[in-house]
Amino acid sequence: MLGLIFHKRLFHILGIVVVLIVSCNDASYELDNEFDPENLGLEPPTIFFHFPSGKVNSDGIAEIDLSVGDTASFELYCYEVDSAGGAHLQIAFDSEVIMIDTVEHGEFFMNGNSAPIMITDQGQEEGFLNIFLFYEPSLTSVSASGTKVMARVIFIVNDEGSAPLVYTEQTVFRNPDNNTISLNTFGEGSINASQ
């Protein structure tokens, strides 16, 4: 009887060992998402556009094809930005083709559960969207770093045509000491609208 109990336990132990050995293989991932920063040809630190249901064309420009009347969104991403205390994002867009509906903050400037301070000027007449984002410091953290979504922009397609999205030279990131953070070439976007 004692031998039978020993064999059962040995069988269970061997079973567990086999399961652990088989399940301990490292996962292998391919960076096949065309919106992965490495696939956009951008050098960090930088910022770029992302369309959740879009694509990247052969020139490395994020784009989306929509119809007049559609509502969609794009995300403003930062890529390996370090020690940002705030940012002014100015995006030029074709105000005859799209209308900015809503701007929501993303995760980048979040401090734990504290949302960033965000001020927007949708500039529909001028064709410039201005977003001011500020990290709300705490006793343990005064800036944001990494690769994340800074803001989401929801828009409505008003007319057919191509509406390029470009970060202007007014776009700037500041560290907590109010010094400018140098960024490399910005990514571009395009909204292609048809009837």
N, C-alpha and C. Protein backbone atom coordinates (compact mmCIF):
# COMPACT_ATOMS: atom_id res chain seq x y z
N MET A 1 0.81 -1.18 0.00
CA MET A 1 0.00 0.00 0.00
C MET A 1 0.86 1.26 0.00
N LEU A 2 1.90 1.23 0.80
CA LEU A 2 2.81 2.37 0.87
C LEU A 2 3.47 2.61 -0.49
N GLY A 3 3.78 1.54 -1.20
CA GLY A 3 4.37 1.67 -2.52
C GLY A 3 3.41 2.31 -3.51
N LEU A 4 2.13 2.02 -3.41
CA LEU A 4 1.12 2.59 -4.29
C LEU A 4 0.99 4.09 -4.06
N ILE A 5 0.99 4.52 -2.82
CA ILE A 5 0.92 5.95 -2.49
C ILE A 5 2.16 6.66 -3.02
N PHE A 6 3.31 6.06 -2.87
CA PHE A 6 4.56 6.64 -3.36
C PHE A 6 4.50 6.81 -4.89
N HIS A 7 4.02 5.80 -5.60
CA HIS A 7 3.93 5.86 -7.06
C HIS A 7 2.94 6.92 -7.52
N LYS A 8 1.81 7.10 -6.80
CA LYS A 8 0.84 8.14 -7.15
C LYS A 8 1.47 9.53 -7.00
N ARG A 9 2.17 9.73 -5.89
CA ARG A 9 2.81 11.04 -5.65
C ARG A 9 3.91 11.29 -6.67
N LEU A 10 4.68 10.28 -6.97
CA LEU A 10 5.73 10.40 -7.97
C LEU A 10 5.13 10.75 -9.33
N PHE A 11 4.01 10.10 -9.66
CA PHE A 11 3.32 10.38 -10.92
C PHE A 11 2.83 11.83 -10.96
N HIS A 12 2.25 12.33 -9.86
CA HIS A 12 1.79 13.72 -9.78
C HIS A 12 2.95 14.70 -9.91
N ILE A 13 4.03 14.42 -9.22
CA ILE A 13 5.21 15.29 -9.27
C ILE A 13 5.77 15.33 -10.68
N LEU A 14 5.91 14.18 -11.31
CA LEU A 14 6.41 14.14 -12.69
C LEU A 14 5.47 14.88 -13.64
N GLY A 15 4.17 14.74 -13.43
CA GLY A 15 3.20 15.46 -14.26
C GLY A 15 3.37 16.97 -14.13
N ILE A 16 3.54 17.44 -12.92
CA ILE A 16 3.72 18.88 -12.68
C ILE A 16 5.03 19.35 -13.32
N VAL A 17 6.09 18.59 -13.19
CA VAL A 17 7.38 18.96 -13.78
C VAL A 17 7.27 19.05 -15.29
N VAL A 18 6.60 18.11 -15.92
CA VAL A 18 6.43 18.12 -17.38
C VAL A 18 5.64 19.36 -17.81
N VAL A 19 4.56 19.66 -17.09
CA VAL A 19 3.75 20.84 -17.42
C VAL A 19 4.59 22.10 -17.28
N LEU A 20 5.37 22.22 -16.23
CA LEU A 20 6.20 23.41 -16.03
C LEU A 20 7.26 23.54 -17.12
N ILE A 21 7.88 22.47 -17.50
CA ILE A 21 8.92 22.51 -18.53
C ILE A 21 8.31 22.92 -19.87
N VAL A 22 7.18 22.36 -20.22
CA VAL A 22 6.55 22.66 -21.51
C VAL A 22 6.03 24.09 -21.53
N SER A 23 5.53 24.59 -20.42
CA SER A 23 4.92 25.92 -20.41
C SER A 23 5.92 27.04 -20.17
N CYS A 24 7.17 26.75 -20.00
CA CYS A 24 8.16 27.79 -19.69
C CYS A 24 8.89 28.31 -20.91
N ASN A 25 8.37 28.06 -22.09
CA ASN A 25 9.00 28.61 -23.29
C ASN A 25 8.69 30.10 -23.38
N ASP A 26 9.68 30.89 -23.76
CA ASP A 26 9.47 32.31 -23.94
C ASP A 26 8.59 32.54 -25.16
N ALA A 27 7.71 33.53 -25.02
CA ALA A 27 6.88 33.90 -26.16
C ALA A 27 7.72 34.67 -27.17
N SER A 28 7.45 34.47 -28.43
CA SER A 28 8.15 35.23 -29.46
C SER A 28 7.13 36.12 -30.16
N TYR A 29 7.45 37.40 -30.21
CA TYR A 29 6.55 38.37 -30.79
C TYR A 29 7.18 38.97 -32.04
N GLU A 30 6.33 39.21 -33.03
CA GLU A 30 6.77 39.93 -34.22
C GLU A 30 6.21 41.34 -34.12
N LEU A 31 7.03 42.31 -34.44
CA LEU A 31 6.55 43.69 -34.49
C LEU A 31 5.93 43.92 -35.86
N ASP A 32 4.75 43.33 -36.06
CA ASP A 32 4.10 43.42 -37.35
C ASP A 32 2.99 44.46 -37.38
N ASN A 33 2.77 45.17 -36.29
CA ASN A 33 1.81 46.26 -36.28
C ASN A 33 2.48 47.45 -36.94
N GLU A 34 1.91 47.91 -38.03
CA GLU A 34 2.56 49.00 -38.77
C GLU A 34 2.63 50.29 -37.97
N PHE A 35 1.86 50.40 -36.88
CA PHE A 35 1.92 51.59 -36.04
C PHE A 35 2.94 51.47 -34.91
N ASP A 36 3.65 50.35 -34.80
CA ASP A 36 4.74 50.27 -33.83
C ASP A 36 5.76 51.34 -34.21
N PRO A 37 6.21 52.15 -33.24
CA PRO A 37 7.12 53.25 -33.57
C PRO A 37 8.33 52.83 -34.40
N GLU A 38 8.84 51.64 -34.13
CA GLU A 38 10.00 51.17 -34.89
C GLU A 38 9.67 51.01 -36.37
N ASN A 39 8.40 50.70 -36.67
CA ASN A 39 7.99 50.49 -38.06
C ASN A 39 7.60 51.79 -38.77
N LEU A 40 7.53 52.89 -38.05
CA LEU A 40 7.22 54.18 -38.65
C LEU A 40 8.47 54.93 -39.11
N GLY A 41 9.63 54.39 -38.79
CA GLY A 41 10.87 55.06 -39.18
C GLY A 41 11.16 56.30 -38.37
N LEU A 42 10.65 56.38 -37.14
CA LEU A 42 10.86 57.55 -36.29
C LEU A 42 11.94 57.28 -35.26
N GLU A 43 12.73 58.28 -34.99
CA GLU A 43 13.78 58.19 -33.97
C GLU A 43 13.28 58.85 -32.69
N PRO A 44 13.36 58.15 -31.57
CA PRO A 44 12.91 58.75 -30.31
C PRO A 44 13.90 59.81 -29.82
N PRO A 45 13.47 60.72 -29.01
CA PRO A 45 12.09 60.98 -28.60
C PRO A 45 11.34 61.72 -29.70
N THR A 46 10.08 61.36 -29.90
CA THR A 46 9.26 62.02 -30.90
C THR A 46 7.79 61.82 -30.59
N ILE A 47 6.94 62.36 -31.46
CA ILE A 47 5.49 62.21 -31.33
C ILE A 47 4.93 61.84 -32.69
N PHE A 48 3.78 61.14 -32.67
CA PHE A 48 3.19 60.72 -33.94
C PHE A 48 1.69 60.53 -33.79
N PHE A 49 1.01 60.33 -34.92
CA PHE A 49 -0.43 60.10 -34.96
C PHE A 49 -0.72 58.62 -35.09
N HIS A 50 -1.83 58.17 -34.51
CA HIS A 50 -2.27 56.79 -34.64
C HIS A 50 -3.77 56.76 -34.86
N PHE A 51 -4.21 56.08 -35.93
CA PHE A 51 -5.62 55.85 -36.18
C PHE A 51 -5.93 54.41 -35.77
N PRO A 52 -6.80 54.20 -34.76
CA PRO A 52 -7.10 52.82 -34.33
C PRO A 52 -7.56 51.91 -35.47
N SER A 53 -8.25 52.45 -36.47
CA SER A 53 -8.69 51.62 -37.59
C SER A 53 -8.05 52.07 -38.90
N GLY A 54 -6.87 52.64 -38.80
CA GLY A 54 -6.20 53.16 -39.99
C GLY A 54 -5.06 52.28 -40.46
N LYS A 55 -4.17 52.89 -41.23
CA LYS A 55 -3.02 52.19 -41.78
C LYS A 55 -1.87 53.19 -41.91
N VAL A 56 -0.72 52.68 -42.31
CA VAL A 56 0.44 53.52 -42.57
C VAL A 56 0.78 53.36 -44.04
N ASN A 57 0.90 54.49 -44.76
CA ASN A 57 1.20 54.39 -46.19
C ASN A 57 2.70 54.19 -46.41
N SER A 58 3.11 54.08 -47.67
CA SER A 58 4.50 53.78 -48.00
C SER A 58 5.47 54.89 -47.60
N ASP A 59 4.95 56.10 -47.36
CA ASP A 59 5.81 57.21 -46.91
C ASP A 59 5.90 57.29 -45.39
N GLY A 60 5.30 56.33 -44.69
CA GLY A 60 5.34 56.32 -43.23
C GLY A 60 4.33 57.27 -42.59
N ILE A 61 3.32 57.67 -43.35
CA ILE A 61 2.29 58.58 -42.84
C ILE A 61 1.07 57.78 -42.41
N ALA A 62 0.62 58.01 -41.19
CA ALA A 62 -0.59 57.35 -40.68
C ALA A 62 -1.79 57.92 -41.42
N GLU A 63 -2.68 57.05 -41.91
CA GLU A 63 -3.83 57.56 -42.64
C GLU A 63 -5.05 56.69 -42.42
N ILE A 64 -6.20 57.29 -42.73
CA ILE A 64 -7.47 56.58 -42.61
C ILE A 64 -8.37 57.03 -43.75
N ASP A 65 -9.13 56.09 -44.29
CA ASP A 65 -10.09 56.37 -45.36
C ASP A 65 -11.49 56.35 -44.75
N LEU A 66 -12.23 57.45 -44.93
CA LEU A 66 -13.57 57.59 -44.35
C LEU A 66 -14.52 58.17 -45.38
N SER A 67 -15.79 58.21 -45.01
CA SER A 67 -16.82 58.82 -45.85
C SER A 67 -17.38 60.05 -45.15
N VAL A 68 -17.94 60.97 -45.95
CA VAL A 68 -18.56 62.17 -45.39
C VAL A 68 -19.65 61.74 -44.42
N GLY A 69 -19.67 62.35 -43.23
CA GLY A 69 -20.64 62.03 -42.19
C GLY A 69 -20.10 61.07 -41.15
N ASP A 70 -18.98 60.40 -41.43
CA ASP A 70 -18.40 59.46 -40.46
C ASP A 70 -17.84 60.20 -39.25
N THR A 71 -17.87 59.52 -38.12
CA THR A 71 -17.20 59.98 -36.91
C THR A 71 -16.09 58.98 -36.61
N ALA A 72 -14.90 59.47 -36.35
CA ALA A 72 -13.76 58.60 -36.06
C ALA A 72 -12.85 59.31 -35.07
N SER A 73 -11.71 58.69 -34.78
CA SER A 73 -10.77 59.31 -33.84
C SER A 73 -9.34 59.02 -34.26
N PHE A 74 -8.45 59.85 -33.74
CA PHE A 74 -7.02 59.57 -33.85
C PHE A 74 -6.39 59.84 -32.50
N GLU A 75 -5.25 59.21 -32.27
CA GLU A 75 -4.54 59.36 -31.00
C GLU A 75 -3.22 60.07 -31.24
N LEU A 76 -2.86 60.88 -30.27
CA LEU A 76 -1.59 61.60 -30.28
C LEU A 76 -0.66 60.85 -29.35
N TYR A 77 0.36 60.22 -29.91
CA TYR A 77 1.29 59.39 -29.15
C TYR A 77 2.62 60.10 -28.96
N CYS A 78 3.25 59.82 -27.84
CA CYS A 78 4.65 60.20 -27.66
C CYS A 78 5.46 58.91 -27.64
N TYR A 79 6.69 59.00 -28.09
CA TYR A 79 7.56 57.82 -28.22
C TYR A 79 8.87 58.10 -27.50
N GLU A 80 9.05 57.43 -26.36
CA GLU A 80 10.25 57.54 -25.52
C GLU A 80 10.59 58.98 -25.16
N VAL A 81 9.57 59.73 -24.74
CA VAL A 81 9.77 61.08 -24.24
C VAL A 81 10.10 60.96 -22.76
N ASP A 82 11.09 61.72 -22.29
CA ASP A 82 11.58 61.59 -20.92
C ASP A 82 11.36 62.87 -20.13
N SER A 83 10.86 62.74 -18.92
CA SER A 83 10.73 63.83 -17.94
C SER A 83 9.90 65.01 -18.44
N ALA A 84 8.72 64.73 -18.96
CA ALA A 84 7.85 65.81 -19.45
C ALA A 84 6.94 66.30 -18.33
N GLY A 85 6.98 67.59 -18.08
CA GLY A 85 6.10 68.21 -17.10
C GLY A 85 4.88 68.81 -17.75
N GLY A 86 4.98 69.08 -19.05
CA GLY A 86 3.86 69.67 -19.78
C GLY A 86 4.15 69.70 -21.26
N ALA A 87 3.11 69.98 -22.04
CA ALA A 87 3.27 70.04 -23.49
C ALA A 87 2.22 70.95 -24.09
N HIS A 88 2.61 71.62 -25.17
CA HIS A 88 1.66 72.32 -26.03
C HIS A 88 1.71 71.60 -27.37
N LEU A 89 0.62 70.94 -27.73
CA LEU A 89 0.52 70.24 -29.01
C LEU A 89 -0.34 71.09 -29.93
N GLN A 90 0.25 71.53 -31.03
CA GLN A 90 -0.54 72.27 -32.02
C GLN A 90 -0.57 71.46 -33.30
N ILE A 91 -1.78 71.12 -33.73
CA ILE A 91 -1.97 70.29 -34.91
C ILE A 91 -2.70 71.11 -35.96
N ALA A 92 -2.10 71.20 -37.14
CA ALA A 92 -2.75 71.85 -38.27
C ALA A 92 -3.61 70.80 -38.97
N PHE A 93 -4.85 71.20 -39.33
CA PHE A 93 -5.76 70.28 -40.02
C PHE A 93 -6.62 71.09 -40.98
N ASP A 94 -7.27 70.42 -41.93
CA ASP A 94 -8.14 71.08 -42.90
C ASP A 94 -9.53 71.18 -42.30
N SER A 95 -9.91 72.37 -41.87
CA SER A 95 -11.19 72.57 -41.18
C SER A 95 -12.38 72.49 -42.12
N GLU A 96 -12.16 72.44 -43.43
CA GLU A 96 -13.27 72.24 -44.35
C GLU A 96 -13.61 70.77 -44.50
N VAL A 97 -12.63 69.90 -44.28
CA VAL A 97 -12.84 68.46 -44.43
C VAL A 97 -13.28 67.82 -43.12
N ILE A 98 -12.67 68.20 -41.99
CA ILE A 98 -13.05 67.61 -40.70
C ILE A 98 -13.41 68.69 -39.68
N MET A 99 -14.22 68.28 -38.72
CA MET A 99 -14.58 69.14 -37.59
C MET A 99 -14.20 68.40 -36.31
N ILE A 100 -13.42 69.06 -35.46
CA ILE A 100 -13.04 68.46 -34.19
C ILE A 100 -14.26 68.46 -33.28
N ASP A 101 -14.57 67.29 -32.71
CA ASP A 101 -15.73 67.15 -31.85
C ASP A 101 -15.33 67.18 -30.37
N THR A 102 -14.41 66.27 -29.99
CA THR A 102 -14.04 66.12 -28.58
C THR A 102 -12.56 65.80 -28.48
N VAL A 103 -11.94 66.29 -27.42
CA VAL A 103 -10.55 65.94 -27.11
C VAL A 103 -10.53 65.36 -25.71
N GLU A 104 -9.95 64.18 -25.56
CA GLU A 104 -9.84 63.51 -24.27
C GLU A 104 -8.37 63.30 -23.94
N HIS A 105 -8.02 63.42 -22.66
CA HIS A 105 -6.63 63.16 -22.27
C HIS A 105 -6.35 61.67 -22.39
N GLY A 106 -5.09 61.34 -22.63
CA GLY A 106 -4.64 59.95 -22.68
C GLY A 106 -3.96 59.57 -21.38
N GLU A 107 -3.14 58.53 -21.43
CA GLU A 107 -2.51 57.99 -20.24
C GLU A 107 -1.14 58.61 -19.92
N PHE A 108 -0.50 59.24 -20.91
CA PHE A 108 0.89 59.67 -20.72
C PHE A 108 1.05 60.62 -19.54
N PHE A 109 0.24 61.65 -19.45
CA PHE A 109 0.41 62.65 -18.39
C PHE A 109 -0.35 62.31 -17.11
N MET A 110 -0.85 61.09 -16.99
CA MET A 110 -1.54 60.65 -15.77
C MET A 110 -0.49 60.45 -14.66
N ASN A 111 -0.85 60.85 -13.46
CA ASN A 111 -0.01 60.60 -12.29
C ASN A 111 -0.82 59.69 -11.37
N GLY A 112 -0.65 58.39 -11.56
CA GLY A 112 -1.47 57.44 -10.81
C GLY A 112 -2.91 57.59 -11.24
N ASN A 113 -3.77 57.94 -10.30
CA ASN A 113 -5.19 58.17 -10.62
C ASN A 113 -5.50 59.62 -10.91
N SER A 114 -4.50 60.49 -10.82
CA SER A 114 -4.72 61.92 -11.05
C SER A 114 -4.64 62.23 -12.54
N ALA A 115 -5.72 62.75 -13.07
CA ALA A 115 -5.77 63.13 -14.49
C ALA A 115 -4.89 64.36 -14.71
N PRO A 116 -4.36 64.51 -15.92
CA PRO A 116 -3.58 65.71 -16.20
C PRO A 116 -4.48 66.94 -16.30
N ILE A 117 -3.88 68.09 -16.19
CA ILE A 117 -4.59 69.33 -16.46
C ILE A 117 -4.56 69.50 -17.97
N MET A 118 -5.74 69.67 -18.59
CA MET A 118 -5.79 69.79 -20.04
C MET A 118 -6.66 70.98 -20.43
N ILE A 119 -6.12 71.79 -21.34
CA ILE A 119 -6.85 72.93 -21.89
C ILE A 119 -6.80 72.77 -23.40
N THR A 120 -7.96 72.94 -24.06
CA THR A 120 -7.98 72.81 -25.52
C THR A 120 -8.60 74.04 -26.16
N ASP A 121 -8.13 74.31 -27.36
CA ASP A 121 -8.71 75.33 -28.23
C ASP A 121 -8.84 74.64 -29.58
N GLN A 122 -10.07 74.33 -29.97
CA GLN A 122 -10.27 73.53 -31.16
C GLN A 122 -10.03 74.30 -32.45
N GLY A 123 -10.00 75.60 -32.43
CA GLY A 123 -9.59 76.42 -33.56
C GLY A 123 -10.21 76.02 -34.89
N GLN A 124 -11.51 75.73 -34.89
CA GLN A 124 -12.15 75.23 -36.10
C GLN A 124 -12.02 76.21 -37.27
N GLU A 125 -12.14 77.52 -37.00
CA GLU A 125 -12.06 78.49 -38.09
C GLU A 125 -10.65 78.60 -38.66
N GLU A 126 -9.65 78.52 -37.80
CA GLU A 126 -8.27 78.69 -38.23
C GLU A 126 -7.63 77.39 -38.72
N GLY A 127 -8.18 76.25 -38.35
CA GLY A 127 -7.59 74.97 -38.75
C GLY A 127 -6.41 74.56 -37.89
N PHE A 128 -6.38 75.02 -36.63
CA PHE A 128 -5.32 74.62 -35.69
C PHE A 128 -5.97 74.13 -34.40
N LEU A 129 -5.62 72.92 -34.01
CA LEU A 129 -6.05 72.37 -32.73
C LEU A 129 -4.92 72.57 -31.74
N ASN A 130 -5.21 73.26 -30.65
CA ASN A 130 -4.21 73.48 -29.59
C ASN A 130 -4.61 72.69 -28.36
N ILE A 131 -3.70 71.85 -27.89
CA ILE A 131 -3.92 71.07 -26.68
C ILE A 131 -2.77 71.37 -25.72
N PHE A 132 -3.11 71.83 -24.53
CA PHE A 132 -2.13 72.08 -23.49
C PHE A 132 -2.32 71.01 -22.42
N LEU A 133 -1.28 70.24 -22.14
CA LEU A 133 -1.34 69.17 -21.15
C LEU A 133 -0.29 69.42 -20.09
N PHE A 134 -0.67 69.25 -18.81
CA PHE A 134 0.25 69.46 -17.71
C PHE A 134 0.17 68.29 -16.75
N TYR A 135 1.31 67.77 -16.39
CA TYR A 135 1.41 66.70 -15.40
C TYR A 135 1.13 67.28 -14.03
N GLU A 136 0.22 66.67 -13.29
CA GLU A 136 -0.07 67.14 -11.94
C GLU A 136 0.89 66.45 -10.97
N PRO A 137 1.89 67.18 -10.47
CA PRO A 137 2.92 66.54 -9.64
C PRO A 137 2.39 66.11 -8.28
N SER A 138 3.12 65.19 -7.69
CA SER A 138 2.84 64.73 -6.32
C SER A 138 4.15 64.78 -5.55
N LEU A 139 4.14 64.31 -4.34
CA LEU A 139 5.36 64.29 -3.53
C LEU A 139 6.39 63.31 -4.10
N THR A 140 5.93 62.31 -4.84
CA THR A 140 6.84 61.27 -5.33
C THR A 140 7.12 61.35 -6.82
N SER A 141 6.37 62.16 -7.56
CA SER A 141 6.53 62.19 -9.02
C SER A 141 6.24 63.58 -9.56
N VAL A 142 7.12 64.08 -10.43
CA VAL A 142 6.93 65.43 -10.97
C VAL A 142 6.88 65.47 -12.49
N SER A 143 7.02 64.30 -13.16
CA SER A 143 7.02 64.30 -14.62
C SER A 143 6.61 62.94 -15.16
N ALA A 144 6.34 62.92 -16.48
CA ALA A 144 5.95 61.69 -17.16
C ALA A 144 7.04 61.29 -18.14
N SER A 145 7.20 59.98 -18.34
CA SER A 145 8.19 59.45 -19.28
C SER A 145 7.62 58.21 -19.95
N GLY A 146 8.07 57.95 -21.18
CA GLY A 146 7.71 56.71 -21.84
C GLY A 146 7.07 56.87 -23.19
N THR A 147 6.34 55.83 -23.59
CA THR A 147 5.64 55.77 -24.87
C THR A 147 4.18 55.47 -24.58
N LYS A 148 3.33 56.47 -24.73
CA LYS A 148 1.90 56.31 -24.44
C LYS A 148 1.08 57.32 -25.21
N VAL A 149 -0.24 57.17 -25.11
CA VAL A 149 -1.18 58.11 -25.72
C VAL A 149 -1.24 59.37 -24.86
N MET A 150 -1.05 60.52 -25.50
CA MET A 150 -1.18 61.79 -24.78
C MET A 150 -2.63 62.28 -24.80
N ALA A 151 -3.30 62.12 -25.96
CA ALA A 151 -4.68 62.58 -26.10
C ALA A 151 -5.36 61.82 -27.23
N ARG A 152 -6.70 61.77 -27.16
CA ARG A 152 -7.53 61.20 -28.22
C ARG A 152 -8.40 62.31 -28.77
N VAL A 153 -8.47 62.39 -30.09
CA VAL A 153 -9.25 63.43 -30.76
C VAL A 153 -10.36 62.75 -31.56
N ILE A 154 -11.60 63.09 -31.24
CA ILE A 154 -12.75 62.57 -31.97
C ILE A 154 -13.18 63.65 -32.95
N PHE A 155 -13.40 63.26 -34.21
CA PHE A 155 -13.73 64.23 -35.24
C PHE A 155 -14.85 63.71 -36.13
N ILE A 156 -15.46 64.63 -36.89
CA ILE A 156 -16.53 64.31 -37.83
C ILE A 156 -16.07 64.75 -39.21
N VAL A 157 -16.30 63.91 -40.21
CA VAL A 157 -15.94 64.24 -41.59
C VAL A 157 -17.06 65.09 -42.17
N ASN A 158 -16.72 66.34 -42.56
CA ASN A 158 -17.71 67.29 -43.10
C ASN A 158 -17.79 67.28 -44.61
N ASP A 159 -16.65 67.05 -45.28
CA ASP A 159 -16.61 67.19 -46.73
C ASP A 159 -15.56 66.23 -47.27
N GLU A 160 -15.63 65.97 -48.57
CA GLU A 160 -14.64 65.08 -49.15
C GLU A 160 -13.34 65.82 -49.42
N GLY A 161 -12.26 65.06 -49.47
CA GLY A 161 -10.95 65.62 -49.70
C GLY A 161 -9.93 64.94 -48.80
N SER A 162 -8.72 65.47 -48.86
CA SER A 162 -7.65 64.95 -48.02
C SER A 162 -7.32 66.00 -46.97
N ALA A 163 -7.31 65.57 -45.73
CA ALA A 163 -7.01 66.49 -44.62
C ALA A 163 -5.73 66.04 -43.93
N PRO A 164 -4.60 66.66 -44.29
CA PRO A 164 -3.35 66.30 -43.60
C PRO A 164 -3.40 66.74 -42.13
N LEU A 165 -2.73 65.97 -41.28
CA LEU A 165 -2.56 66.31 -39.88
C LEU A 165 -1.06 66.50 -39.65
N VAL A 166 -0.69 67.67 -39.17
CA VAL A 166 0.73 67.99 -39.00
C VAL A 166 0.92 68.69 -37.67
N TYR A 167 1.90 68.22 -36.89
CA TYR A 167 2.31 68.96 -35.70
C TYR A 167 3.08 70.19 -36.18
N THR A 168 2.69 71.37 -35.71
CA THR A 168 3.37 72.59 -36.15
C THR A 168 4.61 72.85 -35.31
N GLU A 169 5.36 73.88 -35.69
CA GLU A 169 6.57 74.24 -34.95
C GLU A 169 6.24 74.84 -33.58
N GLN A 170 4.96 75.14 -33.33
CA GLN A 170 4.54 75.63 -32.01
C GLN A 170 4.47 74.51 -30.98
N THR A 171 4.51 73.25 -31.46
CA THR A 171 4.47 72.10 -30.55
C THR A 171 5.75 72.07 -29.73
N VAL A 172 5.58 71.97 -28.40
CA VAL A 172 6.75 71.97 -27.52
C VAL A 172 6.45 71.15 -26.27
N PHE A 173 7.47 70.47 -25.78
CA PHE A 173 7.42 69.75 -24.51
C PHE A 173 8.35 70.45 -23.54
N ARG A 174 7.95 70.50 -22.28
CA ARG A 174 8.77 71.13 -21.24
C ARG A 174 8.97 70.16 -20.09
N ASN A 175 10.16 70.23 -19.48
CA ASN A 175 10.41 69.41 -18.28
C ASN A 175 9.89 70.18 -17.06
N PRO A 176 9.96 69.61 -15.86
CA PRO A 176 9.43 70.30 -14.67
C PRO A 176 10.11 71.64 -14.37
N ASP A 177 11.32 71.86 -14.90
CA ASP A 177 12.01 73.14 -14.70
C ASP A 177 11.71 74.14 -15.81
N ASN A 178 10.73 73.81 -16.67
CA ASN A 178 10.29 74.65 -17.78
C ASN A 178 11.33 74.78 -18.89
N ASN A 179 12.24 73.82 -18.98
CA ASN A 179 13.19 73.78 -20.09
C ASN A 179 12.61 72.95 -21.22
N THR A 180 12.89 73.36 -22.45
CA THR A 180 12.39 72.65 -23.63
C THR A 180 13.03 71.28 -23.75
N ILE A 181 12.21 70.28 -24.06
CA ILE A 181 12.69 68.93 -24.34
C ILE A 181 12.81 68.80 -25.85
N SER A 182 13.99 68.47 -26.34
CA SER A 182 14.21 68.33 -27.78
C SER A 182 13.56 67.06 -28.29
N LEU A 183 12.83 67.20 -29.38
CA LEU A 183 12.19 66.06 -30.03
C LEU A 183 12.72 65.94 -31.45
N ASN A 184 12.76 64.71 -31.96
CA ASN A 184 13.16 64.47 -33.34
C ASN A 184 11.97 64.69 -34.26
N THR A 185 12.15 64.41 -35.54
CA THR A 185 11.11 64.61 -36.55
C THR A 185 9.78 64.02 -36.11
N PHE A 186 8.71 64.80 -36.28
CA PHE A 186 7.37 64.37 -35.89
C PHE A 186 6.74 63.49 -36.96
N GLY A 187 5.90 62.56 -36.52
CA GLY A 187 5.11 61.77 -37.46
C GLY A 187 3.98 62.61 -38.04
N GLU A 188 3.44 62.19 -39.18
CA GLU A 188 2.37 62.91 -39.84
C GLU A 188 1.16 62.00 -40.00
N GLY A 189 0.00 62.62 -40.26
CA GLY A 189 -1.23 61.86 -40.47
C GLY A 189 -2.02 62.44 -41.62
N SER A 190 -2.99 61.66 -42.10
CA SER A 190 -3.85 62.12 -43.20
C SER A 190 -5.21 61.45 -43.10
N ILE A 191 -6.26 62.26 -43.27
CA ILE A 191 -7.62 61.75 -43.30
C ILE A 191 -8.11 61.90 -44.73
N ASN A 192 -8.43 60.79 -45.36
CA ASN A 192 -8.89 60.79 -46.75
C ASN A 192 -10.40 60.54 -46.77
N ALA A 193 -11.16 61.57 -47.17
CA ALA A 193 -12.61 61.49 -47.11
C ALA A 193 -13.22 61.46 -48.50
N SER A 194 -14.20 60.60 -48.68
CA SER A 194 -14.93 60.51 -49.95
C SER A 194 -16.43 60.48 -49.65
N GLN A 195 -17.24 60.61 -50.70
CA GLN A 195 -18.70 60.57 -50.53
C GLN A 195 -19.15 59.20 -50.20
